[in-house]
Every structure is written in C-alpha cells, then in structure tokens.
Amino acid sequence: MPDEAGQREPEQQREPEQQGGPDWREQAPVDSPEGWVAAHIRRYDRSGGKEGQKWYGLDTLLLTTRGRTSGKARRTAVIYGRHGDRVIVVGSNGGKPEHPLWYLNLVAWPEAHVQIGEEHLDVRARTATPEEKPELWALMTGIFPQYKSYQKKTTREIPVVILEPVTA
C-alpha cells in the first residue's frame, strides 16, 4: 500500500492462518502422501472411524496438525497409547535422522485435532519432559517394541508427545 509520498510500504509477512484463508481446523486436511499411510487414512476417514483404528493389531489415531509454514491442515495416522486422559504418540519417523513433519508442526503450532475411532478431540501437544519420558517411553515400547530399534538406529532423541484434551 502506498504511503503519503507514494512509496510502497514493504509487504508484511502474514501469519500462516491468514495465508491459508479460513481457520485451519475448517479446512479439508491434506493427507500424508506416504502410500500405506494415505490408504490407511482413507479407510479410517471414509468409515467415520468404524474401520482403520487398528493397524496390524495396533491402535491408531488420525492426527491433524497445522502446517508450520503453510498454515494448512495436515493429517496422518499414528500409533497411540493412553495415559489417564492424555493421548501419547511417538515421533519415531521409523528411526530416520530427522523428526517426522507432524512433530515439527506440533512444535510450531501445538494445537491439533485427533480422531480415535469415532471420537474427535481437540488437543494441545507438548513434548514429554526428561522426567516424564521414561514412564511414557515404557508405555509406548510396550505397545510397539520396534520403537526401541528405531532409537538405536538414529542419533536424534526420539520424542514422546503428550496430547492433552482441550476443554471448551
């Protein structure tokens, strides 16, 4: 926009929410492009959560995050556990050297949405503290022991993420 002297003011960087248009939670989510994950999400979503909650016998949820740079809703499927009323997930990324994108999104924007079966919850994410992690790591490796081999495979500290329900 020009100022009084006719000069253009520098463009202000917009927040991702402004770039993405409506509130990110109201957008149709962009699903993980990973083949098996995308197929799992489609099955879960199309059935309203009646199918797909189990993946090879493991409980899974659909996690919708806000893209840290795009501001768009992003959805993936993740193995989870319960610790009281909190939902626990692990940012293993199969033991790759980098964190999964969904985890980086949660670090930037902790507000998220989960679907567990037919149940929908708004949650706030945080990485488990060093004091909390041992108990939660034991819970999650009890559910999916392969997390231990993923940790051995990478030099990064695999995060355990606590998803706490947000009450209106």
N, C-alpha and C. Protein backbone atom coordinates (compact mmCIF):
# COMPACT_ATOMS: atom_id res chain seq x y z
N MET A 1 0.85 -1.17 0.00
CA MET A 1 0.00 0.00 0.00
C MET A 1 0.90 1.24 0.00
N PRO A 2 0.62 2.21 -0.85
CA PRO A 2 1.48 3.40 -0.90
C PRO A 2 1.29 4.27 0.34
N ASP A 3 2.39 4.91 0.77
CA ASP A 3 2.29 5.85 1.87
C ASP A 3 1.99 7.23 1.29
N GLU A 4 2.05 8.28 2.14
CA GLU A 4 1.69 9.63 1.68
C GLU A 4 2.60 10.11 0.57
N ALA A 5 3.83 9.67 0.51
CA ALA A 5 4.77 10.11 -0.51
C ALA A 5 4.67 9.25 -1.76
N GLY A 6 3.73 8.34 -1.79
CA GLY A 6 3.56 7.48 -2.96
C GLY A 6 4.48 6.27 -2.97
N GLN A 7 5.25 6.09 -1.92
CA GLN A 7 6.15 4.94 -1.82
C GLN A 7 5.37 3.73 -1.32
N ARG A 8 5.74 2.57 -1.82
CA ARG A 8 5.10 1.36 -1.33
C ARG A 8 5.76 0.91 -0.04
N GLU A 9 4.93 0.58 0.92
CA GLU A 9 5.45 0.04 2.17
C GLU A 9 5.84 -1.41 1.92
N PRO A 10 6.87 -1.90 2.60
CA PRO A 10 7.24 -3.30 2.42
C PRO A 10 6.08 -4.21 2.83
N GLU A 11 5.93 -5.30 2.09
CA GLU A 11 4.88 -6.27 2.43
C GLU A 11 5.16 -6.86 3.80
N GLN A 12 4.14 -6.88 4.61
CA GLN A 12 4.30 -7.52 5.91
C GLN A 12 4.05 -9.01 5.73
N GLN A 13 4.89 -9.79 6.38
CA GLN A 13 4.69 -11.24 6.31
C GLN A 13 3.43 -11.59 7.07
N ARG A 14 2.57 -12.35 6.43
CA ARG A 14 1.32 -12.74 7.06
C ARG A 14 1.51 -14.02 7.84
N GLU A 15 0.72 -14.14 8.86
CA GLU A 15 0.70 -15.39 9.63
C GLU A 15 0.16 -16.49 8.72
N PRO A 16 0.61 -17.74 8.91
CA PRO A 16 0.10 -18.83 8.08
C PRO A 16 -1.42 -18.93 8.07
N GLU A 17 -2.08 -18.62 9.19
CA GLU A 17 -3.54 -18.72 9.24
C GLU A 17 -4.16 -17.76 8.22
N GLN A 18 -3.54 -16.57 8.05
CA GLN A 18 -4.04 -15.62 7.07
C GLN A 18 -3.77 -16.12 5.66
N GLN A 19 -2.63 -16.74 5.45
CA GLN A 19 -2.28 -17.26 4.14
C GLN A 19 -3.22 -18.38 3.73
N GLY A 20 -3.62 -19.20 4.67
CA GLY A 20 -4.44 -20.35 4.36
C GLY A 20 -5.92 -20.04 4.27
N GLY A 21 -6.32 -18.79 4.48
CA GLY A 21 -7.72 -18.44 4.39
C GLY A 21 -8.42 -18.71 5.71
N PRO A 22 -9.45 -19.57 5.70
CA PRO A 22 -10.23 -19.82 6.93
C PRO A 22 -9.38 -20.52 7.98
N ASP A 23 -9.95 -20.57 9.18
CA ASP A 23 -9.30 -21.27 10.28
C ASP A 23 -8.83 -22.64 9.79
N TRP A 24 -7.61 -23.01 10.10
CA TRP A 24 -7.03 -24.26 9.61
C TRP A 24 -7.88 -25.47 9.97
N ARG A 25 -8.60 -25.41 11.10
CA ARG A 25 -9.42 -26.56 11.51
C ARG A 25 -10.63 -26.75 10.61
N GLU A 26 -11.01 -25.71 9.88
CA GLU A 26 -12.16 -25.79 9.00
C GLU A 26 -11.78 -26.23 7.59
N GLN A 27 -10.49 -26.36 7.33
CA GLN A 27 -10.02 -26.78 6.01
C GLN A 27 -10.09 -28.30 5.86
N ALA A 28 -10.28 -28.75 4.64
CA ALA A 28 -10.13 -30.18 4.36
C ALA A 28 -8.64 -30.48 4.51
N PRO A 29 -8.28 -31.46 5.34
CA PRO A 29 -6.86 -31.71 5.58
C PRO A 29 -6.16 -32.31 4.37
N VAL A 30 -4.88 -32.00 4.25
CA VAL A 30 -4.02 -32.62 3.27
C VAL A 30 -3.46 -33.87 3.93
N ASP A 31 -3.73 -35.02 3.34
CA ASP A 31 -3.31 -36.28 3.94
C ASP A 31 -1.88 -36.62 3.60
N SER A 32 -1.25 -37.39 4.46
CA SER A 32 0.11 -37.87 4.22
C SER A 32 0.18 -38.50 2.84
N PRO A 33 1.21 -38.18 2.06
CA PRO A 33 1.34 -38.78 0.73
C PRO A 33 1.96 -40.18 0.77
N GLU A 34 2.46 -40.59 1.93
CA GLU A 34 3.06 -41.91 2.07
C GLU A 34 2.02 -42.97 1.73
N GLY A 35 2.30 -43.84 0.77
CA GLY A 35 1.34 -44.79 0.23
C GLY A 35 0.49 -45.53 1.24
N TRP A 36 1.12 -46.29 2.13
CA TRP A 36 0.35 -47.10 3.08
C TRP A 36 -0.38 -46.22 4.09
N VAL A 37 0.23 -45.08 4.46
CA VAL A 37 -0.41 -44.18 5.42
C VAL A 37 -1.64 -43.55 4.77
N ALA A 38 -1.50 -43.11 3.53
CA ALA A 38 -2.62 -42.49 2.81
C ALA A 38 -3.79 -43.47 2.68
N ALA A 39 -3.50 -44.71 2.35
CA ALA A 39 -4.55 -45.73 2.22
C ALA A 39 -5.23 -45.97 3.58
N HIS A 40 -4.44 -46.01 4.64
CA HIS A 40 -4.97 -46.21 5.99
C HIS A 40 -5.89 -45.04 6.38
N ILE A 41 -5.46 -43.82 6.10
CA ILE A 41 -6.25 -42.63 6.43
C ILE A 41 -7.58 -42.66 5.67
N ARG A 42 -7.53 -42.99 4.38
CA ARG A 42 -8.75 -43.04 3.57
C ARG A 42 -9.77 -44.02 4.17
N ARG A 43 -9.29 -45.19 4.54
CA ARG A 43 -10.17 -46.21 5.13
C ARG A 43 -10.77 -45.71 6.45
N TYR A 44 -9.93 -45.14 7.29
CA TYR A 44 -10.34 -44.61 8.59
C TYR A 44 -11.39 -43.52 8.39
N ASP A 45 -11.07 -42.57 7.50
CA ASP A 45 -11.93 -41.40 7.27
C ASP A 45 -13.26 -41.79 6.63
N ARG A 46 -13.20 -42.60 5.59
CA ARG A 46 -14.43 -42.97 4.87
C ARG A 46 -15.41 -43.74 5.73
N SER A 47 -14.91 -44.47 6.71
CA SER A 47 -15.80 -45.25 7.58
C SER A 47 -16.25 -44.46 8.81
N GLY A 48 -15.81 -43.21 8.92
CA GLY A 48 -16.16 -42.42 10.11
C GLY A 48 -15.47 -42.92 11.36
N GLY A 49 -14.38 -43.68 11.19
CA GLY A 49 -13.64 -44.22 12.33
C GLY A 49 -14.07 -45.61 12.75
N LYS A 50 -15.04 -46.18 12.03
CA LYS A 50 -15.50 -47.54 12.35
C LYS A 50 -14.51 -48.58 11.86
N GLU A 51 -13.73 -48.24 10.84
CA GLU A 51 -12.68 -49.12 10.33
C GLU A 51 -11.37 -48.34 10.34
N GLY A 52 -10.29 -49.05 10.49
CA GLY A 52 -8.98 -48.41 10.40
C GLY A 52 -8.36 -48.03 11.72
N GLN A 53 -9.12 -48.10 12.81
CA GLN A 53 -8.50 -47.74 14.09
C GLN A 53 -7.38 -48.73 14.42
N LYS A 54 -7.52 -49.96 13.97
CA LYS A 54 -6.47 -50.95 14.18
C LYS A 54 -5.61 -51.05 12.92
N TRP A 55 -4.31 -51.05 13.10
CA TRP A 55 -3.36 -51.25 12.01
C TRP A 55 -2.44 -52.38 12.46
N TYR A 56 -2.58 -53.53 11.84
CA TYR A 56 -1.84 -54.73 12.24
C TYR A 56 -1.96 -54.98 13.74
N GLY A 57 -3.17 -54.79 14.26
CA GLY A 57 -3.45 -55.04 15.67
C GLY A 57 -3.10 -53.90 16.61
N LEU A 58 -2.54 -52.81 16.08
CA LEU A 58 -2.15 -51.67 16.90
C LEU A 58 -3.19 -50.57 16.82
N ASP A 59 -3.47 -49.93 17.95
CA ASP A 59 -4.41 -48.80 17.95
C ASP A 59 -3.77 -47.60 17.27
N THR A 60 -4.53 -47.01 16.34
CA THR A 60 -4.04 -45.81 15.65
C THR A 60 -5.09 -44.71 15.72
N LEU A 61 -4.62 -43.51 15.60
CA LEU A 61 -5.49 -42.35 15.55
C LEU A 61 -5.14 -41.54 14.31
N LEU A 62 -6.02 -40.64 13.96
CA LEU A 62 -5.73 -39.68 12.90
C LEU A 62 -5.38 -38.37 13.59
N LEU A 63 -4.21 -37.85 13.27
CA LEU A 63 -3.69 -36.62 13.86
C LEU A 63 -3.70 -35.54 12.81
N THR A 64 -4.41 -34.45 13.09
CA THR A 64 -4.43 -33.31 12.18
C THR A 64 -3.71 -32.16 12.85
N THR A 65 -2.66 -31.69 12.18
CA THR A 65 -1.84 -30.60 12.68
C THR A 65 -1.97 -29.42 11.73
N ARG A 66 -1.44 -28.30 12.16
CA ARG A 66 -1.38 -27.10 11.32
C ARG A 66 0.03 -27.03 10.75
N GLY A 67 0.14 -26.96 9.44
CA GLY A 67 1.46 -26.89 8.80
C GLY A 67 2.24 -25.69 9.30
N ARG A 68 3.47 -25.92 9.69
CA ARG A 68 4.26 -24.86 10.33
C ARG A 68 4.60 -23.73 9.38
N THR A 69 4.65 -23.99 8.08
CA THR A 69 4.92 -22.90 7.13
C THR A 69 3.71 -22.57 6.27
N SER A 70 2.92 -23.56 5.91
CA SER A 70 1.77 -23.31 5.04
C SER A 70 0.54 -22.86 5.80
N GLY A 71 0.41 -23.27 7.06
CA GLY A 71 -0.79 -22.99 7.83
C GLY A 71 -1.94 -23.91 7.48
N LYS A 72 -1.71 -24.84 6.55
CA LYS A 72 -2.78 -25.75 6.13
C LYS A 72 -2.92 -26.92 7.09
N ALA A 73 -4.12 -27.48 7.12
CA ALA A 73 -4.37 -28.66 7.93
C ALA A 73 -3.69 -29.86 7.29
N ARG A 74 -2.92 -30.60 8.07
CA ARG A 74 -2.18 -31.78 7.61
C ARG A 74 -2.60 -32.97 8.47
N ARG A 75 -2.86 -34.12 7.83
CA ARG A 75 -3.36 -35.28 8.57
C ARG A 75 -2.49 -36.50 8.32
N THR A 76 -2.25 -37.25 9.39
CA THR A 76 -1.51 -38.50 9.30
C THR A 76 -2.09 -39.50 10.30
N ALA A 77 -1.70 -40.74 10.17
CA ALA A 77 -2.11 -41.79 11.10
C ALA A 77 -0.91 -42.12 11.99
N VAL A 78 -1.18 -42.30 13.28
CA VAL A 78 -0.12 -42.53 14.25
C VAL A 78 -0.58 -43.58 15.27
N ILE A 79 0.34 -44.44 15.67
CA ILE A 79 0.09 -45.38 16.78
C ILE A 79 0.01 -44.55 18.06
N TYR A 80 -0.89 -44.92 18.95
CA TYR A 80 -1.01 -44.15 20.19
C TYR A 80 -1.21 -45.06 21.39
N GLY A 81 -1.03 -44.44 22.55
CA GLY A 81 -1.34 -45.07 23.82
C GLY A 81 -2.10 -44.07 24.68
N ARG A 82 -2.62 -44.53 25.78
CA ARG A 82 -3.35 -43.66 26.71
C ARG A 82 -2.62 -43.64 28.06
N HIS A 83 -2.58 -42.48 28.65
CA HIS A 83 -2.03 -42.31 29.98
C HIS A 83 -2.99 -41.39 30.71
N GLY A 84 -3.95 -42.00 31.41
CA GLY A 84 -5.03 -41.22 32.01
C GLY A 84 -5.89 -40.66 30.88
N ASP A 85 -6.18 -39.37 30.94
CA ASP A 85 -6.98 -38.76 29.87
C ASP A 85 -6.11 -38.22 28.75
N ARG A 86 -4.81 -38.42 28.85
CA ARG A 86 -3.88 -37.94 27.82
C ARG A 86 -3.62 -39.02 26.78
N VAL A 87 -3.38 -38.57 25.57
CA VAL A 87 -3.04 -39.45 24.46
C VAL A 87 -1.54 -39.30 24.22
N ILE A 88 -0.86 -40.42 24.02
CA ILE A 88 0.60 -40.41 23.87
C ILE A 88 0.97 -40.94 22.49
N VAL A 89 1.85 -40.21 21.79
CA VAL A 89 2.36 -40.63 20.49
C VAL A 89 3.88 -40.47 20.49
N VAL A 90 4.52 -41.15 19.54
CA VAL A 90 5.98 -41.14 19.47
C VAL A 90 6.41 -40.63 18.09
N GLY A 91 7.33 -39.68 18.07
CA GLY A 91 7.84 -39.12 16.83
C GLY A 91 9.03 -39.91 16.31
N SER A 92 8.81 -41.18 15.99
CA SER A 92 9.92 -42.06 15.62
C SER A 92 10.42 -41.86 14.19
N ASN A 93 9.50 -41.61 13.26
CA ASN A 93 9.84 -41.49 11.84
C ASN A 93 10.65 -42.70 11.37
N GLY A 94 10.33 -43.86 11.94
CA GLY A 94 11.00 -45.10 11.53
C GLY A 94 12.49 -45.12 11.83
N GLY A 95 12.94 -44.25 12.74
CA GLY A 95 14.36 -44.19 13.08
C GLY A 95 15.18 -43.36 12.12
N LYS A 96 14.53 -42.60 11.24
CA LYS A 96 15.26 -41.72 10.31
C LYS A 96 15.94 -40.62 11.10
N PRO A 97 16.95 -39.98 10.51
CA PRO A 97 17.69 -38.94 11.23
C PRO A 97 16.88 -37.69 11.54
N GLU A 98 15.80 -37.45 10.80
CA GLU A 98 15.01 -36.24 11.02
C GLU A 98 13.67 -36.57 11.69
N HIS A 99 13.18 -35.58 12.41
CA HIS A 99 11.87 -35.73 13.05
C HIS A 99 10.78 -35.83 11.99
N PRO A 100 9.67 -36.51 12.31
CA PRO A 100 8.56 -36.52 11.36
C PRO A 100 7.99 -35.10 11.22
N LEU A 101 7.45 -34.80 10.05
CA LEU A 101 6.92 -33.47 9.80
C LEU A 101 5.79 -33.12 10.77
N TRP A 102 4.97 -34.12 11.12
CA TRP A 102 3.87 -33.83 12.04
C TRP A 102 4.39 -33.34 13.38
N TYR A 103 5.54 -33.87 13.83
CA TYR A 103 6.11 -33.44 15.10
C TYR A 103 6.60 -31.99 14.99
N LEU A 104 7.28 -31.66 13.90
CA LEU A 104 7.75 -30.29 13.70
C LEU A 104 6.57 -29.33 13.64
N ASN A 105 5.46 -29.75 13.03
CA ASN A 105 4.26 -28.92 13.02
C ASN A 105 3.74 -28.67 14.43
N LEU A 106 3.74 -29.72 15.26
CA LEU A 106 3.25 -29.58 16.65
C LEU A 106 4.16 -28.68 17.48
N VAL A 107 5.45 -28.72 17.22
CA VAL A 107 6.37 -27.84 17.94
C VAL A 107 6.04 -26.38 17.60
N ALA A 108 5.75 -26.11 16.32
CA ALA A 108 5.43 -24.75 15.89
C ALA A 108 4.02 -24.32 16.31
N TRP A 109 3.06 -25.23 16.18
CA TRP A 109 1.66 -24.95 16.48
C TRP A 109 1.12 -26.12 17.32
N PRO A 110 1.14 -26.03 18.64
CA PRO A 110 0.76 -27.17 19.49
C PRO A 110 -0.72 -27.57 19.44
N GLU A 111 -1.58 -26.70 18.96
CA GLU A 111 -3.00 -27.05 18.89
C GLU A 111 -3.19 -28.03 17.74
N ALA A 112 -3.93 -29.11 18.00
CA ALA A 112 -4.15 -30.14 16.99
C ALA A 112 -5.51 -30.79 17.22
N HIS A 113 -5.82 -31.72 16.33
CA HIS A 113 -7.07 -32.46 16.43
C HIS A 113 -6.77 -33.94 16.25
N VAL A 114 -7.40 -34.78 17.04
CA VAL A 114 -7.25 -36.22 16.87
C VAL A 114 -8.62 -36.86 16.69
N GLN A 115 -8.60 -37.92 15.90
CA GLN A 115 -9.77 -38.78 15.79
C GLN A 115 -9.33 -40.15 16.23
N ILE A 116 -10.01 -40.66 17.24
CA ILE A 116 -9.75 -42.01 17.75
C ILE A 116 -11.04 -42.78 17.55
N GLY A 117 -11.05 -43.64 16.56
CA GLY A 117 -12.29 -44.31 16.21
C GLY A 117 -13.29 -43.26 15.77
N GLU A 118 -14.44 -43.24 16.41
CA GLU A 118 -15.47 -42.26 16.07
C GLU A 118 -15.37 -41.00 16.94
N GLU A 119 -14.47 -40.99 17.91
CA GLU A 119 -14.31 -39.87 18.83
C GLU A 119 -13.38 -38.81 18.24
N HIS A 120 -13.76 -37.55 18.38
CA HIS A 120 -12.95 -36.42 17.93
C HIS A 120 -12.57 -35.57 19.14
N LEU A 121 -11.29 -35.19 19.21
CA LEU A 121 -10.80 -34.38 20.32
C LEU A 121 -9.90 -33.27 19.82
N ASP A 122 -10.09 -32.06 20.35
CA ASP A 122 -9.11 -31.01 20.16
C ASP A 122 -8.09 -31.20 21.27
N VAL A 123 -6.82 -31.10 20.92
CA VAL A 123 -5.75 -31.35 21.89
C VAL A 123 -4.68 -30.26 21.80
N ARG A 124 -3.89 -30.21 22.83
CA ARG A 124 -2.69 -29.35 22.84
C ARG A 124 -1.52 -30.29 23.07
N ALA A 125 -0.53 -30.18 22.20
CA ALA A 125 0.62 -31.09 22.26
C ALA A 125 1.80 -30.47 22.99
N ARG A 126 2.54 -31.35 23.63
CA ARG A 126 3.83 -30.95 24.20
C ARG A 126 4.73 -32.17 24.25
N THR A 127 6.01 -31.92 24.14
CA THR A 127 6.98 -32.99 24.23
C THR A 127 7.16 -33.36 25.70
N ALA A 128 7.19 -34.64 25.98
CA ALA A 128 7.39 -35.10 27.36
C ALA A 128 8.71 -34.56 27.90
N THR A 129 8.69 -34.17 29.16
CA THR A 129 9.91 -33.70 29.82
C THR A 129 10.83 -34.90 30.09
N PRO A 130 12.10 -34.65 30.36
CA PRO A 130 13.00 -35.75 30.70
C PRO A 130 12.50 -36.58 31.89
N GLU A 131 11.79 -35.95 32.81
CA GLU A 131 11.26 -36.67 33.97
C GLU A 131 10.06 -37.55 33.58
N GLU A 132 9.26 -37.09 32.63
CA GLU A 132 8.07 -37.84 32.20
C GLU A 132 8.40 -38.95 31.21
N LYS A 133 9.43 -38.74 30.42
CA LYS A 133 9.68 -39.62 29.28
C LYS A 133 9.89 -41.09 29.64
N PRO A 134 10.67 -41.46 30.65
CA PRO A 134 10.90 -42.89 30.89
C PRO A 134 9.61 -43.70 31.05
N GLU A 135 8.67 -43.20 31.83
CA GLU A 135 7.41 -43.92 32.04
C GLU A 135 6.61 -44.00 30.74
N LEU A 136 6.56 -42.90 30.00
CA LEU A 136 5.79 -42.88 28.76
C LEU A 136 6.48 -43.68 27.65
N TRP A 137 7.80 -43.67 27.63
CA TRP A 137 8.56 -44.48 26.67
C TRP A 137 8.29 -45.96 26.93
N ALA A 138 8.29 -46.34 28.20
CA ALA A 138 8.00 -47.74 28.55
C ALA A 138 6.57 -48.12 28.12
N LEU A 139 5.62 -47.21 28.31
CA LEU A 139 4.25 -47.45 27.87
C LEU A 139 4.22 -47.70 26.35
N MET A 140 4.87 -46.83 25.61
CA MET A 140 4.79 -46.90 24.15
C MET A 140 5.62 -48.04 23.57
N THR A 141 6.76 -48.36 24.17
CA THR A 141 7.53 -49.51 23.67
C THR A 141 6.85 -50.81 24.06
N GLY A 142 6.01 -50.78 25.09
CA GLY A 142 5.19 -51.93 25.42
C GLY A 142 4.12 -52.17 24.37
N ILE A 143 3.64 -51.09 23.76
CA ILE A 143 2.64 -51.17 22.70
C ILE A 143 3.30 -51.53 21.37
N PHE A 144 4.43 -50.90 21.08
CA PHE A 144 5.13 -51.11 19.80
C PHE A 144 6.64 -51.21 20.09
N PRO A 145 7.13 -52.42 20.39
CA PRO A 145 8.53 -52.59 20.77
C PRO A 145 9.54 -52.10 19.74
N GLN A 146 9.15 -51.99 18.49
CA GLN A 146 10.07 -51.55 17.44
C GLN A 146 10.61 -50.13 17.68
N TYR A 147 9.93 -49.34 18.50
CA TYR A 147 10.45 -48.01 18.82
C TYR A 147 11.87 -48.10 19.38
N LYS A 148 12.15 -49.16 20.14
CA LYS A 148 13.50 -49.32 20.71
C LYS A 148 14.54 -49.45 19.61
N SER A 149 14.24 -50.25 18.59
CA SER A 149 15.21 -50.40 17.49
C SER A 149 15.32 -49.11 16.69
N TYR A 150 14.22 -48.37 16.57
CA TYR A 150 14.29 -47.08 15.88
C TYR A 150 15.23 -46.13 16.62
N GLN A 151 15.17 -46.13 17.97
CA GLN A 151 16.04 -45.24 18.75
C GLN A 151 17.50 -45.63 18.57
N LYS A 152 17.78 -46.94 18.49
CA LYS A 152 19.16 -47.40 18.28
C LYS A 152 19.67 -47.02 16.89
N LYS A 153 18.77 -46.92 15.94
CA LYS A 153 19.10 -46.65 14.55
C LYS A 153 19.46 -45.18 14.29
N THR A 154 19.03 -44.28 15.16
CA THR A 154 19.24 -42.85 14.93
C THR A 154 20.02 -42.21 16.07
N THR A 155 20.66 -41.09 15.76
CA THR A 155 21.38 -40.35 16.79
C THR A 155 20.50 -39.30 17.46
N ARG A 156 19.36 -38.99 16.84
CA ARG A 156 18.48 -37.99 17.45
C ARG A 156 17.67 -38.63 18.59
N GLU A 157 17.28 -37.82 19.52
CA GLU A 157 16.42 -38.27 20.61
C GLU A 157 14.99 -38.34 20.07
N ILE A 158 14.42 -39.53 20.05
CA ILE A 158 13.05 -39.68 19.56
C ILE A 158 12.09 -39.10 20.61
N PRO A 159 11.28 -38.14 20.21
CA PRO A 159 10.39 -37.50 21.18
C PRO A 159 9.13 -38.32 21.47
N VAL A 160 8.71 -38.24 22.72
CA VAL A 160 7.40 -38.76 23.12
C VAL A 160 6.53 -37.52 23.29
N VAL A 161 5.36 -37.55 22.67
CA VAL A 161 4.49 -36.38 22.65
C VAL A 161 3.22 -36.66 23.44
N ILE A 162 2.88 -35.73 24.30
CA ILE A 162 1.66 -35.80 25.10
C ILE A 162 0.62 -34.91 24.45
N LEU A 163 -0.53 -35.51 24.16
CA LEU A 163 -1.65 -34.76 23.59
C LEU A 163 -2.71 -34.63 24.68
N GLU A 164 -2.87 -33.43 25.19
CA GLU A 164 -3.79 -33.20 26.28
C GLU A 164 -5.09 -32.61 25.74
N PRO A 165 -6.23 -33.21 26.10
CA PRO A 165 -7.51 -32.69 25.61
C PRO A 165 -7.72 -31.23 26.02
N VAL A 166 -8.26 -30.47 25.10
CA VAL A 166 -8.58 -29.07 25.36
C VAL A 166 -10.07 -29.00 25.65
N THR A 167 -10.40 -28.43 26.78
CA THR A 167 -11.82 -28.29 27.12
C THR A 167 -12.28 -26.90 26.72
N ALA A 168 -13.47 -26.85 26.18
CA ALA A 168 -14.01 -25.57 25.69
C ALA A 168 -14.42 -24.67 26.81
